[in-house]
Amino acid sequence: MNVGYVFVILAIVAEVSATLALRVATDGRPRFYGIVVVGYLIAFVALTVALRQGIPLGVAYGIWAAAGVAATAIAAHFLFRERLTPPPRVLAGIGVIVVGVLLVELGAVH
């Protein structure tokens, strides 16, 4: 496995953490804005390193964005009791994201 993918995963974890912290901060806990700033900074640095390791931009950004959306929605459901659409729609949406990322990855020139 290309080490760049480790940095894509780090970018995803940092971005999702920052986004969840943003939700907490906007609910009246402004100290969490520090986590938001640090999380997004780590995410962009990790994504930069992934690109320098040779991961194509379309692949890195596709995985980062798609996984981030799916993970954020699922985490917000459990942490903040935010409603998701009916389960079949959620699973179908996540499936479309996974298939889309796989198609981009398989179509990328390595």
Protein backbone atom coordinates (compact mmCIF):
# COMPACT_ATOMS: atom_id res chain seq x y z
CA MET A 1 0.00 0.00 0.00
CA ASN A 2 1.25 3.46 -0.90
CA VAL A 3 2.07 5.43 2.27
CA GLY A 4 0.11 8.31 0.74
CA TYR A 5 -3.11 6.49 1.59
CA VAL A 6 -2.16 6.58 5.28
CA PHE A 7 -2.09 10.37 4.97
CA VAL A 8 -5.46 10.37 3.18
CA ILE A 9 -6.89 8.40 6.12
CA LEU A 10 -5.29 10.86 8.55
CA ALA A 11 -6.84 13.73 6.57
CA ILE A 12 -10.26 12.08 6.79
CA VAL A 13 -10.01 11.49 10.55
CA ALA A 14 -8.79 15.05 11.18
CA GLU A 15 -11.47 16.64 8.97
CA VAL A 16 -14.31 14.60 10.46
CA SER A 17 -13.09 15.38 13.98
CA ALA A 18 -12.90 19.08 13.16
CA THR A 19 -16.38 19.08 11.66
CA LEU A 20 -17.84 17.31 14.69
CA ALA A 21 -16.04 19.79 16.96
CA LEU A 22 -17.57 22.61 14.92
CA ARG A 23 -21.02 21.24 15.72
CA VAL A 24 -20.17 21.23 19.44
CA ALA A 25 -18.66 24.73 19.29
CA THR A 26 -21.77 26.17 17.65
CA ASP A 27 -23.86 24.76 20.48
CA GLY A 28 -22.29 27.19 22.95
CA ARG A 29 -18.91 25.63 23.70
CA PRO A 30 -16.51 28.05 21.96
CA ARG A 31 -13.38 26.31 23.24
CA PHE A 32 -14.02 23.66 20.60
CA TYR A 33 -13.17 26.19 17.88
CA GLY A 34 -9.52 25.47 18.69
CA ILE A 35 -10.06 21.80 17.80
CA VAL A 36 -11.78 22.91 14.59
CA VAL A 37 -8.80 25.00 13.47
CA VAL A 38 -6.21 22.38 14.39
CA GLY A 39 -8.25 19.57 12.83
CA TYR A 40 -8.68 21.32 9.50
CA LEU A 41 -5.03 22.34 9.47
CA ILE A 42 -3.95 18.72 10.05
CA ALA A 43 -6.39 17.57 7.35
CA PHE A 44 -4.96 19.89 4.71
CA VAL A 45 -1.36 19.15 5.64
CA ALA A 46 -2.05 15.40 5.52
CA LEU A 47 -3.77 15.76 2.15
CA THR A 48 -0.76 17.73 0.88
CA VAL A 49 1.60 14.97 2.01
CA ALA A 50 -0.61 12.35 0.34
CA LEU A 51 -0.37 14.26 -2.94
CA ARG A 52 3.42 14.51 -2.57
CA GLN A 53 3.51 10.73 -2.07
CA GLY A 54 2.03 10.31 -5.52
CA ILE A 55 -1.67 9.87 -4.87
CA PRO A 56 -3.50 11.49 -7.81
CA LEU A 57 -5.50 14.57 -6.83
CA GLY A 58 -8.82 13.21 -8.11
CA VAL A 59 -8.37 10.00 -6.16
CA ALA A 60 -7.16 11.64 -2.93
CA TYR A 61 -9.86 14.30 -2.97
CA GLY A 62 -12.56 11.83 -3.96
CA ILE A 63 -11.74 9.45 -1.13
CA TRP A 64 -11.29 12.31 1.36
CA ALA A 65 -14.55 14.03 0.49
CA ALA A 66 -16.69 10.91 0.13
CA ALA A 67 -15.44 9.19 3.25
CA GLY A 68 -15.67 12.46 5.17
CA VAL A 69 -19.31 12.97 4.23
CA ALA A 70 -20.27 9.41 5.10
CA ALA A 71 -18.32 9.31 8.38
CA THR A 72 -19.59 12.72 9.47
CA ALA A 73 -23.21 11.79 8.83
CA ILE A 74 -22.90 8.51 10.70
CA ALA A 75 -20.99 10.04 13.63
CA ALA A 76 -23.47 12.95 13.90
CA HIS A 77 -26.30 10.44 14.07
CA PHE A 78 -24.76 8.67 17.04
CA LEU A 79 -23.17 11.65 18.81
CA PHE A 80 -25.83 14.32 18.27
CA ARG A 81 -28.89 12.19 17.52
CA GLU A 82 -29.23 13.84 14.11
CA ARG A 83 -31.70 12.00 11.94
CA LEU A 84 -30.58 10.15 8.90
CA THR A 85 -32.86 9.40 6.00
CA PRO A 86 -34.48 5.95 6.17
CA PRO A 87 -31.78 3.23 6.44
CA PRO A 88 -32.16 1.88 2.88
CA ARG A 89 -31.50 5.37 1.49
CA VAL A 90 -28.51 5.89 3.76
CA LEU A 91 -27.01 2.55 2.79
CA ALA A 92 -27.68 3.24 -0.88
CA GLY A 93 -26.03 6.66 -0.59
CA ILE A 94 -22.96 5.27 1.12
CA GLY A 95 -22.85 2.49 -1.48
CA VAL A 96 -22.92 5.04 -4.30
CA ILE A 97 -20.06 6.92 -2.63
CA VAL A 98 -17.98 3.74 -2.32
CA VAL A 99 -18.66 2.70 -5.91
CA GLY A 100 -17.84 6.21 -7.15
CA VAL A 101 -14.53 6.29 -5.30
CA LEU A 102 -13.66 2.81 -6.58
CA LEU A 103 -14.43 3.87 -10.15
CA VAL A 104 -12.21 6.94 -9.80
CA GLU A 105 -9.42 4.84 -8.26
CA LEU A 106 -9.65 2.15 -10.94
CA GLY A 107 -9.64 4.79 -13.67
CA ALA A 108 -6.62 6.64 -12.27
CA VAL A 109 -3.29 6.25 -13.98
CA HIS A 110 -0.68 5.09 -11.46
